[in-house]
Amino acid sequence: MTTESRPCFVYKGDRKDDHYLYLPHEITESTPPEDVPPVVLNLLGELSLVIEFELSVDRHLAQADVKQVLADIEAQGFYLQMPKRDMLAEEAAYFN
């Protein structure tokens, strides 16, 4: 496994419990979450930073597969962690 790491900033919205947005950069006025679709931002509401850490394939994440997080950040610029029980319903409601 590689030990290469990248910065990761995890945000929580004020509208949904147990939903977390992983980004490769901090949200500021000069670096807004441009890669995140408006429907996701609407779902979450106002974002607040929960934690910042170095993300690598060697790191263990309690609620997410680190390889999927890294792949999604690389492919789409973010990873959205949702509770497993809500994931299918949320996807159907917001993405179909």
PDB file of N, CA and C in Angstrom:
ATOM      1  N   MET A   1       0.838  -1.197   0.000  1.00  0.00           N
ATOM      2  CA  MET A   1       0.000   0.000   0.000  1.00  0.00           C
ATOM      3  C   MET A   1       0.871   1.244   0.000  1.00  0.00           C
ATOM      4  N   THR A   2       0.368   2.240  -0.655  1.00  0.00           N
ATOM      5  CA  THR A   2       1.095   3.507  -0.702  1.00  0.00           C
ATOM      6  C   THR A   2       0.888   4.301   0.582  1.00  0.00           C
ATOM      7  N   THR A   3       1.874   5.072   0.933  1.00  0.00           N
ATOM      8  CA  THR A   3       1.740   5.926   2.101  1.00  0.00           C
ATOM      9  C   THR A   3       1.489   7.373   1.685  1.00  0.00           C
ATOM     10  N   GLU A   4       1.293   7.589   0.371  1.00  0.00           N
ATOM     11  CA  GLU A   4       1.001   8.927  -0.110  1.00  0.00           C
ATOM     12  C   GLU A   4      -0.292   9.407   0.527  1.00  0.00           C
ATOM     13  N   SER A   5      -0.300  10.634   0.984  1.00  0.00           N
ATOM     14  CA  SER A   5      -1.502  11.167   1.628  1.00  0.00           C
ATOM     15  C   SER A   5      -1.864  12.511   1.032  1.00  0.00           C
ATOM     16  N   ARG A   6      -3.078  12.898   1.305  1.00  0.00           N
ATOM     17  CA  ARG A   6      -3.565  14.196   0.840  1.00  0.00           C
ATOM     18  C   ARG A   6      -4.401  14.808   1.952  1.00  0.00           C
ATOM     19  N   PRO A   7      -4.481  16.130   1.992  1.00  0.00           N
ATOM     20  CA  PRO A   7      -5.313  16.769   3.007  1.00  0.00           C
ATOM     21  C   PRO A   7      -6.784  16.417   2.785  1.00  0.00           C
ATOM     22  N   CYS A   8      -7.510  16.287   3.868  1.00  0.00           N
ATOM     23  CA  CYS A   8      -8.941  16.006   3.789  1.00  0.00           C
ATOM     24  C   CYS A   8      -9.658  16.860   4.833  1.00  0.00           C
ATOM     25  N   PHE A   9     -10.705  17.530   4.402  1.00  0.00           N
ATOM     26  CA  PHE A   9     -11.505  18.381   5.267  1.00  0.00           C
ATOM     27  C   PHE A   9     -12.917  17.811   5.287  1.00  0.00           C
ATOM     28  N   VAL A  10     -13.423  17.523   6.483  1.00  0.00           N
ATOM     29  CA  VAL A  10     -14.735  16.911   6.623  1.00  0.00           C
ATOM     30  C   VAL A  10     -15.698  17.947   7.218  1.00  0.00           C
ATOM     31  N   TYR A  11     -16.826  18.114   6.511  1.00  0.00           N
ATOM     32  CA  TYR A  11     -17.837  19.095   6.911  1.00  0.00           C
ATOM     33  C   TYR A  11     -19.143  18.397   7.237  1.00  0.00           C
ATOM     34  N   LYS A  12     -19.898  19.011   8.140  1.00  0.00           N
ATOM     35  CA  LYS A  12     -21.236  18.548   8.498  1.00  0.00           C
ATOM     36  C   LYS A  12     -22.195  19.691   8.239  1.00  0.00           C
ATOM     37  N   GLY A  13     -23.340  19.353   7.690  1.00  0.00           N
ATOM     38  CA  GLY A  13     -24.362  20.360   7.460  1.00  0.00           C
ATOM     39  C   GLY A  13     -25.300  20.476   8.651  1.00  0.00           C
ATOM     40  N   ASP A  14     -26.070  21.547   8.677  1.00  0.00           N
ATOM     41  CA  ASP A  14     -27.006  21.747   9.787  1.00  0.00           C
ATOM     42  C   ASP A  14     -28.392  21.142   9.523  1.00  0.00           C
ATOM     43  N   ARG A  15     -28.580  20.488   8.373  1.00  0.00           N
ATOM     44  CA  ARG A  15     -29.891  19.920   8.046  1.00  0.00           C
ATOM     45  C   ARG A  15     -29.980  18.409   8.206  1.00  0.00           C
ATOM     46  N   LYS A  16     -28.882  17.714   8.112  1.00  0.00           N
ATOM     47  CA  LYS A  16     -28.909  16.249   8.121  1.00  0.00           C
ATOM     48  C   LYS A  16     -27.927  15.698   9.144  1.00  0.00           C
ATOM     49  N   ASP A  17     -28.436  14.888  10.066  1.00  0.00           N
ATOM     50  CA  ASP A  17     -27.550  14.199  11.001  1.00  0.00           C
ATOM     51  C   ASP A  17     -26.836  13.071  10.275  1.00  0.00           C
ATOM     52  N   ASP A  18     -25.636  12.809  10.674  1.00  0.00           N
ATOM     53  CA  ASP A  18     -24.855  11.685  10.157  1.00  0.00           C
ATOM     54  C   ASP A  18     -24.549  11.756   8.667  1.00  0.00           C
ATOM     55  N   HIS A  19     -24.543  12.935   8.095  1.00  0.00           N
ATOM     56  CA  HIS A  19     -24.123  13.145   6.704  1.00  0.00           C
ATOM     57  C   HIS A  19     -22.862  14.006   6.756  1.00  0.00           C
ATOM     58  N   TYR A  20     -21.819  13.562   6.079  1.00  0.00           N
ATOM     59  CA  TYR A  20     -20.549  14.274   6.119  1.00  0.00           C
ATOM     60  C   TYR A  20     -20.000  14.426   4.705  1.00  0.00           C
ATOM     61  N   LEU A  21     -19.467  15.602   4.436  1.00  0.00           N
ATOM     62  CA  LEU A  21     -18.912  15.938   3.132  1.00  0.00           C
ATOM     63  C   LEU A  21     -17.395  16.000   3.267  1.00  0.00           C
ATOM     64  N   TYR A  22     -16.692  15.138   2.528  1.00  0.00           N
ATOM     65  CA  TYR A  22     -15.233  15.088   2.524  1.00  0.00           C
ATOM     66  C   TYR A  22     -14.745  15.872   1.312  1.00  0.00           C
ATOM     67  N   LEU A  23     -13.840  16.819   1.550  1.00  0.00           N
ATOM     68  CA  LEU A  23     -13.290  17.650   0.481  1.00  0.00           C
ATOM     69  C   LEU A  23     -11.764  17.665   0.544  1.00  0.00           C
ATOM     70  N   PRO A  24     -11.103  17.878  -0.592  1.00  0.00           N
ATOM     71  CA  PRO A  24      -9.643  17.929  -0.605  1.00  0.00           C
ATOM     72  C   PRO A  24      -9.082  19.311  -0.244  1.00  0.00           C
ATOM     73  N   HIS A  25      -9.961  20.239   0.069  1.00  0.00           N
ATOM     74  CA  HIS A  25      -9.521  21.587   0.441  1.00  0.00           C
ATOM     75  C   HIS A  25     -10.521  22.174   1.425  1.00  0.00           C
ATOM     76  N   GLU A  26     -10.060  23.168   2.146  1.00  0.00           N
ATOM     77  CA  GLU A  26     -10.919  23.867   3.093  1.00  0.00           C
ATOM     78  C   GLU A  26     -11.831  24.814   2.333  1.00  0.00           C
ATOM     79  N   ILE A  27     -13.054  24.963   2.812  1.00  0.00           N
ATOM     80  CA  ILE A  27     -13.988  25.902   2.191  1.00  0.00           C
ATOM     81  C   ILE A  27     -13.700  27.297   2.743  1.00  0.00           C
ATOM     82  N   THR A  28     -13.403  28.220   1.818  1.00  0.00           N
ATOM     83  CA  THR A  28     -13.211  29.626   2.168  1.00  0.00           C
ATOM     84  C   THR A  28     -13.891  30.451   1.084  1.00  0.00           C
ATOM     85  N   GLU A  29     -13.870  31.742   1.235  1.00  0.00           N
ATOM     86  CA  GLU A  29     -14.443  32.598   0.185  1.00  0.00           C
ATOM     87  C   GLU A  29     -13.701  32.416  -1.135  1.00  0.00           C
ATOM     88  N   SER A  30     -12.393  32.174  -1.046  1.00  0.00           N
ATOM     89  CA  SER A  30     -11.614  32.019  -2.279  1.00  0.00           C
ATOM     90  C   SER A  30     -11.627  30.582  -2.809  1.00  0.00           C
ATOM     91  N   THR A  31     -12.052  29.618  -2.003  1.00  0.00           N
ATOM     92  CA  THR A  31     -12.144  28.224  -2.457  1.00  0.00           C
ATOM     93  C   THR A  31     -13.497  27.629  -2.037  1.00  0.00           C
ATOM     94  N   PRO A  32     -14.574  28.073  -2.670  1.00  0.00           N
ATOM     95  CA  PRO A  32     -15.893  27.517  -2.356  1.00  0.00           C
ATOM     96  C   PRO A  32     -16.001  26.078  -2.852  1.00  0.00           C
ATOM     97  N   PRO A  33     -17.008  25.337  -2.406  1.00  0.00           N
ATOM     98  CA  PRO A  33     -17.153  23.945  -2.829  1.00  0.00           C
ATOM     99  C   PRO A  33     -17.734  23.832  -4.239  1.00  0.00           C
ATOM    100  N   GLU A  34     -17.000  24.294  -5.246  1.00  0.00           N
ATOM    101  CA  GLU A  34     -17.492  24.355  -6.624  1.00  0.00           C
ATOM    102  C   GLU A  34     -17.768  22.983  -7.228  1.00  0.00           C
ATOM    103  N   ASP A  35     -17.054  21.955  -6.769  1.00  0.00           N
ATOM    104  CA  ASP A  35     -17.241  20.612  -7.325  1.00  0.00           C
ATOM    105  C   ASP A  35     -18.474  19.908  -6.767  1.00  0.00           C
ATOM    106  N   VAL A  36     -19.052  20.453  -5.711  1.00  0.00           N
ATOM    107  CA  VAL A  36     -20.195  19.809  -5.063  1.00  0.00           C
ATOM    108  C   VAL A  36     -21.486  20.291  -5.724  1.00  0.00           C
ATOM    109  N   PRO A  37     -22.313  19.358  -6.212  1.00  0.00           N
ATOM    110  CA  PRO A  37     -23.565  19.760  -6.862  1.00  0.00           C
ATOM    111  C   PRO A  37     -24.478  20.534  -5.908  1.00  0.00           C
ATOM    112  N   PRO A  38     -25.209  21.511  -6.422  1.00  0.00           N
ATOM    113  CA  PRO A  38     -26.122  22.292  -5.582  1.00  0.00           C
ATOM    114  C   PRO A  38     -27.116  21.427  -4.812  1.00  0.00           C
ATOM    115  N   VAL A  39     -27.566  20.316  -5.386  1.00  0.00           N
ATOM    116  CA  VAL A  39     -28.524  19.462  -4.690  1.00  0.00           C
ATOM    117  C   VAL A  39     -27.907  18.891  -3.406  1.00  0.00           C
ATOM    118  N   VAL A  40     -26.626  18.590  -3.419  1.00  0.00           N
ATOM    119  CA  VAL A  40     -25.955  18.083  -2.226  1.00  0.00           C
ATOM    120  C   VAL A  40     -25.810  19.193  -1.191  1.00  0.00           C
ATOM    121  N   LEU A  41     -25.434  20.382  -1.645  1.00  0.00           N
ATOM    122  CA  LEU A  41     -25.314  21.508  -0.717  1.00  0.00           C
ATOM    123  C   LEU A  41     -26.665  21.854  -0.097  1.00  0.00           C
ATOM    124  N   ASN A  42     -27.739  21.795  -0.885  1.00  0.00           N
ATOM    125  CA  ASN A  42     -29.083  22.035  -0.348  1.00  0.00           C
ATOM    126  C   ASN A  42     -29.463  20.986   0.683  1.00  0.00           C
ATOM    127  N   LEU A  43     -29.135  19.738   0.410  1.00  0.00           N
ATOM    128  CA  LEU A  43     -29.423  18.643   1.327  1.00  0.00           C
ATOM    129  C   LEU A  43     -28.756  18.876   2.679  1.00  0.00           C
ATOM    130  N   LEU A  44     -27.512  19.319   2.661  1.00  0.00           N
ATOM    131  CA  LEU A  44     -26.741  19.464   3.884  1.00  0.00           C
ATOM    132  C   LEU A  44     -27.028  20.750   4.641  1.00  0.00           C
ATOM    133  N   GLY A  45     -27.306  21.830   3.925  1.00  0.00           N
ATOM    134  CA  GLY A  45     -27.509  23.118   4.589  1.00  0.00           C
ATOM    135  C   GLY A  45     -26.179  23.808   4.845  1.00  0.00           C
ATOM    136  N   GLU A  46     -26.137  24.645   5.862  1.00  0.00           N
ATOM    137  CA  GLU A  46     -24.919  25.394   6.182  1.00  0.00           C
ATOM    138  C   GLU A  46     -23.856  24.442   6.714  1.00  0.00           C
ATOM    139  N   LEU A  47     -22.675  24.521   6.117  1.00  0.00           N
ATOM    140  CA  LEU A  47     -21.599  23.595   6.456  1.00  0.00           C
ATOM    141  C   LEU A  47     -20.691  24.151   7.541  1.00  0.00           C
ATOM    142  N   SER A  48     -20.236  23.245   8.407  1.00  0.00           N
ATOM    143  CA  SER A  48     -19.228  23.619   9.400  1.00  0.00           C
ATOM    144  C   SER A  48     -18.162  22.522   9.427  1.00  0.00           C
ATOM    145  N   LEU A  49     -16.921  22.946   9.593  1.00  0.00           N
ATOM    146  CA  LEU A  49     -15.790  22.025   9.594  1.00  0.00           C
ATOM    147  C   LEU A  49     -15.832  21.154  10.847  1.00  0.00           C
ATOM    148  N   VAL A  50     -15.709  19.847  10.638  1.00  0.00           N
ATOM    149  CA  VAL A  50     -15.699  18.893  11.744  1.00  0.00           C
ATOM    150  C   VAL A  50     -14.270  18.495  12.084  1.00  0.00           C
ATOM    151  N   ILE A  51     -13.495  18.151  11.048  1.00  0.00           N
ATOM    152  CA  ILE A  51     -12.130  17.683  11.267  1.00  0.00           C
ATOM    153  C   ILE A  51     -11.316  17.857   9.992  1.00  0.00           C
ATOM    154  N   GLU A  52     -10.028  18.029  10.179  1.00  0.00           N
ATOM    155  CA  GLU A  52      -9.063  18.064   9.078  1.00  0.00           C
ATOM    156  C   GLU A  52      -7.995  17.030   9.392  1.00  0.00           C
ATOM    157  N   PHE A  53      -7.616  16.213   8.399  1.00  0.00           N
ATOM    158  CA  PHE A  53      -6.601  15.204   8.616  1.00  0.00           C
ATOM    159  C   PHE A  53      -5.953  14.831   7.291  1.00  0.00           C
ATOM    160  N   GLU A  54      -4.885  14.054   7.369  1.00  0.00           N
ATOM    161  CA  GLU A  54      -4.212  13.528   6.185  1.00  0.00           C
ATOM    162  C   GLU A  54      -4.872  12.202   5.829  1.00  0.00           C
ATOM    163  N   LEU A  55      -5.362  12.096   4.602  1.00  0.00           N
ATOM    164  CA  LEU A  55      -6.059  10.912   4.137  1.00  0.00           C
ATOM    165  C   LEU A  55      -5.133  10.082   3.260  1.00  0.00           C
ATOM    166  N   SER A  56      -5.008   8.812   3.567  1.00  0.00           N
ATOM    167  CA  SER A  56      -4.219   7.881   2.755  1.00  0.00           C
ATOM    168  C   SER A  56      -4.889   6.512   2.828  1.00  0.00           C
ATOM    169  N   VAL A  57      -4.488   5.624   1.939  1.00  0.00           N
ATOM    170  CA  VAL A  57      -5.070   4.281   1.924  1.00  0.00           C
ATOM    171  C   VAL A  57      -4.733   3.514   3.202  1.00  0.00           C
ATOM    172  N   ASP A  58      -3.725   3.935   3.923  1.00  0.00           N
ATOM    173  CA  ASP A  58      -3.339   3.278   5.169  1.00  0.00           C
ATOM    174  C   ASP A  58      -4.202   3.703   6.352  1.00  0.00           C
ATOM    175  N   ARG A  59      -5.008   4.716   6.175  1.00  0.00           N
ATOM    176  CA  ARG A  59      -5.813   5.248   7.279  1.00  0.00           C
ATOM    177  C   ARG A  59      -7.121   4.477   7.403  1.00  0.00           C
ATOM    178  N   HIS A  60      -7.563   4.257   8.611  1.00  0.00           N
ATOM    179  CA  HIS A  60      -8.849   3.604   8.861  1.00  0.00           C
ATOM    180  C   HIS A  60      -9.907   4.685   9.112  1.00  0.00           C
ATOM    181  N   LEU A  61     -11.040   4.558   8.444  1.00  0.00           N
ATOM    182  CA  LEU A  61     -12.173   5.447   8.668  1.00  0.00           C
ATOM    183  C   LEU A  61     -13.310   4.620   9.253  1.00  0.00           C
ATOM    184  N   ALA A  62     -13.948   5.120  10.290  1.00  0.00           N
ATOM    185  CA  ALA A  62     -14.968   4.351  11.012  1.00  0.00           C
ATOM    186  C   ALA A  62     -16.203   4.037  10.170  1.00  0.00           C
ATOM    187  N   GLN A  63     -16.653   4.980   9.342  1.00  0.00           N
ATOM    188  CA  GLN A  63     -17.918   4.822   8.642  1.00  0.00           C
ATOM    189  C   GLN A  63     -17.792   4.790   7.123  1.00  0.00           C
ATOM    190  N   ALA A  64     -16.580   4.819   6.609  1.00  0.00           N
ATOM    191  CA  ALA A  64     -16.412   4.876   5.151  1.00  0.00           C
ATOM    192  C   ALA A  64     -15.217   4.045   4.723  1.00  0.00           C
ATOM    193  N   ASP A  65     -15.278   3.565   3.502  1.00  0.00           N
ATOM    194  CA  ASP A  65     -14.177   2.832   2.890  1.00  0.00           C
ATOM    195  C   ASP A  65     -13.181   3.865   2.346  1.00  0.00           C
ATOM    196  N   VAL A  66     -11.978   3.872   2.893  1.00  0.00           N
ATOM    197  CA  VAL A  66     -10.996   4.889   2.531  1.00  0.00           C
ATOM    198  C   VAL A  66     -10.691   4.877   1.031  1.00  0.00           C
ATOM    199  N   LYS A  67     -10.677   3.703   0.412  1.00  0.00           N
ATOM    200  CA  LYS A  67     -10.409   3.637  -1.024  1.00  0.00           C
ATOM    201  C   LYS A  67     -11.533   4.304  -1.820  1.00  0.00           C
ATOM    202  N   GLN A  68     -12.782   4.134  -1.375  1.00  0.00           N
ATOM    203  CA  GLN A  68     -13.907   4.777  -2.049  1.00  0.00           C
ATOM    204  C   GLN A  68     -13.865   6.288  -1.849  1.00  0.00           C
ATOM    205  N   VAL A  69     -13.507   6.722  -0.644  1.00  0.00           N
ATOM    206  CA  VAL A  69     -13.380   8.159  -0.376  1.00  0.00           C
ATOM    207  C   VAL A  69     -12.345   8.774  -1.302  1.00  0.00           C
ATOM    208  N   LEU A  70     -11.177   8.150  -1.376  1.00  0.00           N
ATOM    209  CA  LEU A  70     -10.112   8.665  -2.245  1.00  0.00           C
ATOM    210  C   LEU A  70     -10.538   8.651  -3.711  1.00  0.00           C
ATOM    211  N   ALA A  71     -11.190   7.578  -4.146  1.00  0.00           N
ATOM    212  CA  ALA A  71     -11.631   7.482  -5.543  1.00  0.00           C
ATOM    213  C   ALA A  71     -12.665   8.551  -5.875  1.00  0.00           C
ATOM    214  N   ASP A  72     -13.630   8.761  -4.988  1.00  0.00           N
ATOM    215  CA  ASP A  72     -14.657   9.772  -5.242  1.00  0.00           C
ATOM    216  C   ASP A  72     -14.076  11.186  -5.245  1.00  0.00           C
ATOM    217  N   ILE A  73     -13.169  11.456  -4.326  1.00  0.00           N
ATOM    218  CA  ILE A  73     -12.534  12.783  -4.308  1.00  0.00           C
ATOM    219  C   ILE A  73     -11.754  13.008  -5.601  1.00  0.00           C
ATOM    220  N   GLU A  74     -11.067  11.989  -6.056  1.00  0.00           N
ATOM    221  CA  GLU A  74     -10.299  12.096  -7.301  1.00  0.00           C
ATOM    222  C   GLU A  74     -11.222  12.287  -8.512  1.00  0.00           C
ATOM    223  N   ALA A  75     -12.314  11.518  -8.565  1.00  0.00           N
ATOM    224  CA  ALA A  75     -13.204  11.533  -9.729  1.00  0.00           C
ATOM    225  C   ALA A  75     -14.153  12.723  -9.757  1.00  0.00           C
ATOM    226  N   GLN A  76     -14.702  13.097  -8.605  1.00  0.00           N
ATOM    227  CA  GLN A  76     -15.746  14.131  -8.613  1.00  0.00           C
ATOM    228  C   GLN A  76     -15.450  15.322  -7.708  1.00  0.00           C
ATOM    229  N   GLY A  77     -14.360  15.266  -6.962  1.00  0.00           N
ATOM    230  CA  GLY A  77     -13.973  16.402  -6.132  1.00  0.00           C
ATOM    231  C   GLY A  77     -14.532  16.383  -4.727  1.00  0.00           C
ATOM    232  N   PHE A  78     -15.317  15.353  -4.369  1.00  0.00           N
ATOM    233  CA  PHE A  78     -15.861  15.257  -3.017  1.00  0.00           C
ATOM    234  C   PHE A  78     -16.323  13.826  -2.762  1.00  0.00           C
ATOM    235  N   TYR A  79     -16.568  13.525  -1.485  1.00  0.00           N
ATOM    236  CA  TYR A  79     -17.188  12.264  -1.085  1.00  0.00           C
ATOM    237  C   TYR A  79     -18.284  12.617  -0.094  1.00  0.00           C
ATOM    238  N   LEU A  80     -19.465  12.066  -0.279  1.00  0.00           N
ATOM    239  CA  LEU A  80     -20.577  12.301   0.648  1.00  0.00           C
ATOM    240  C   LEU A  80     -20.824  11.028   1.429  1.00  0.00           C
ATOM    241  N   GLN A  81     -20.635  11.114   2.735  1.00  0.00           N
ATOM    242  CA  GLN A  81     -20.905   9.977   3.615  1.00  0.00           C
ATOM    243  C   GLN A  81     -22.309  10.123   4.175  1.00  0.00           C
ATOM    244  N   MET A  82     -23.133   9.112   3.943  1.00  0.00           N
ATOM    245  CA  MET A  82     -24.500   9.089   4.463  1.00  0.00           C
ATOM    246  C   MET A  82     -24.668   7.829   5.288  1.00  0.00           C
ATOM    247  N   PRO A  83     -25.601   7.840   6.246  1.00  0.00           N
ATOM    248  CA  PRO A  83     -25.856   6.605   6.989  1.00  0.00           C
ATOM    249  C   PRO A  83     -26.310   5.521   6.030  1.00  0.00           C
ATOM    250  N   LYS A  84     -25.843   4.327   6.225  1.00  0.00           N
ATOM    251  CA  LYS A  84     -26.172   3.231   5.314  1.00  0.00           C
ATOM    252  C   LYS A  84     -27.671   3.030   5.189  1.00  0.00           C
ATOM    253  N   ARG A  85     -28.417   3.198   6.263  1.00  0.00           N
ATOM    254  CA  ARG A  85     -29.866   2.988   6.233  1.00  0.00           C
ATOM    255  C   ARG A  85     -30.583   4.006   5.357  1.00  0.00           C
ATOM    256  N   ASP A  86     -30.001   5.182   5.168  1.00  0.00           N
ATOM    257  CA  ASP A  86     -30.642   6.248   4.411  1.00  0.00           C
ATOM    258  C   ASP A  86     -30.125   6.362   2.975  1.00  0.00           C
ATOM    259  N   MET A  87     -29.039   5.714   2.659  1.00  0.00           N
ATOM    260  CA  MET A  87     -28.358   5.957   1.395  1.00  0.00           C
ATOM    261  C   MET A  87     -29.253   5.722   0.170  1.00  0.00           C
ATOM    262  N   LEU A  88     -29.932   4.601   0.089  1.00  0.00           N
ATOM    263  CA  LEU A  88     -30.757   4.327  -1.083  1.00  0.00           C
ATOM    264  C   LEU A  88     -31.910   5.309  -1.189  1.00  0.00           C
ATOM    265  N   ALA A  89     -32.555   5.631  -0.088  1.00  0.00           N
ATOM    266  CA  ALA A  89     -33.669   6.578  -0.101  1.00  0.00           C
ATOM    267  C   ALA A  89     -33.198   7.979  -0.505  1.00  0.00           C
ATOM    268  N   GLU A  90     -32.061   8.392   0.016  1.00  0.00           N
ATOM    269  CA  GLU A  90     -31.517   9.714  -0.314  1.00  0.00           C
ATOM    270  C   GLU A  90     -31.162   9.795  -1.793  1.00  0.00           C
ATOM    271  N   GLU A  91     -30.501   8.755  -2.290  1.00  0.00           N
ATOM    272  CA  GLU A  91     -30.120   8.747  -3.697  1.00  0.00           C
ATOM    273  C   GLU A  91     -31.356   8.798  -4.593  1.00  0.00           C
ATOM    274  N   ALA A  92     -32.373   8.060  -4.245  1.00  0.00           N
ATOM    275  CA  ALA A  92     -33.600   8.048  -5.039  1.00  0.00           C
ATOM    276  C   ALA A  92     -34.285   9.412  -5.008  1.00  0.00           C
ATOM    277  N   ALA A  93     -34.320  10.026  -3.851  1.00  0.00           N
ATOM    278  CA  ALA A  93     -35.010  11.311  -3.697  1.00  0.00           C
ATOM    279  C   ALA A  93     -34.288  12.462  -4.377  1.00  0.00           C
ATOM    280  N   TYR A  94     -32.961  12.460  -4.357  1.00  0.00           N
ATOM    281  CA  TYR A  94     -32.220  13.629  -4.827  1.00  0.00           C
ATOM    282  C   TYR A  94     -31.508  13.464  -6.160  1.00  0.00           C
ATOM    283  N   PHE A  95     -31.271  12.239  -6.582  1.00  0.00           N
ATOM    284  CA  PHE A  95     -30.483  12.049  -7.789  1.00  0.00           C
ATOM    285  C   PHE A  95     -31.257  11.408  -8.934  1.00  0.00           C
ATOM    286  N   ASN A  96     -32.499  11.058  -8.733  1.00  0.00           N
ATOM    287  CA  ASN A  96     -33.307  10.468  -9.813  1.00  0.00           C
ATOM    288  C   ASN A  96     -34.335  11.431 -10.316  1.00  0.00           C
TER     289      ASN A  96
END
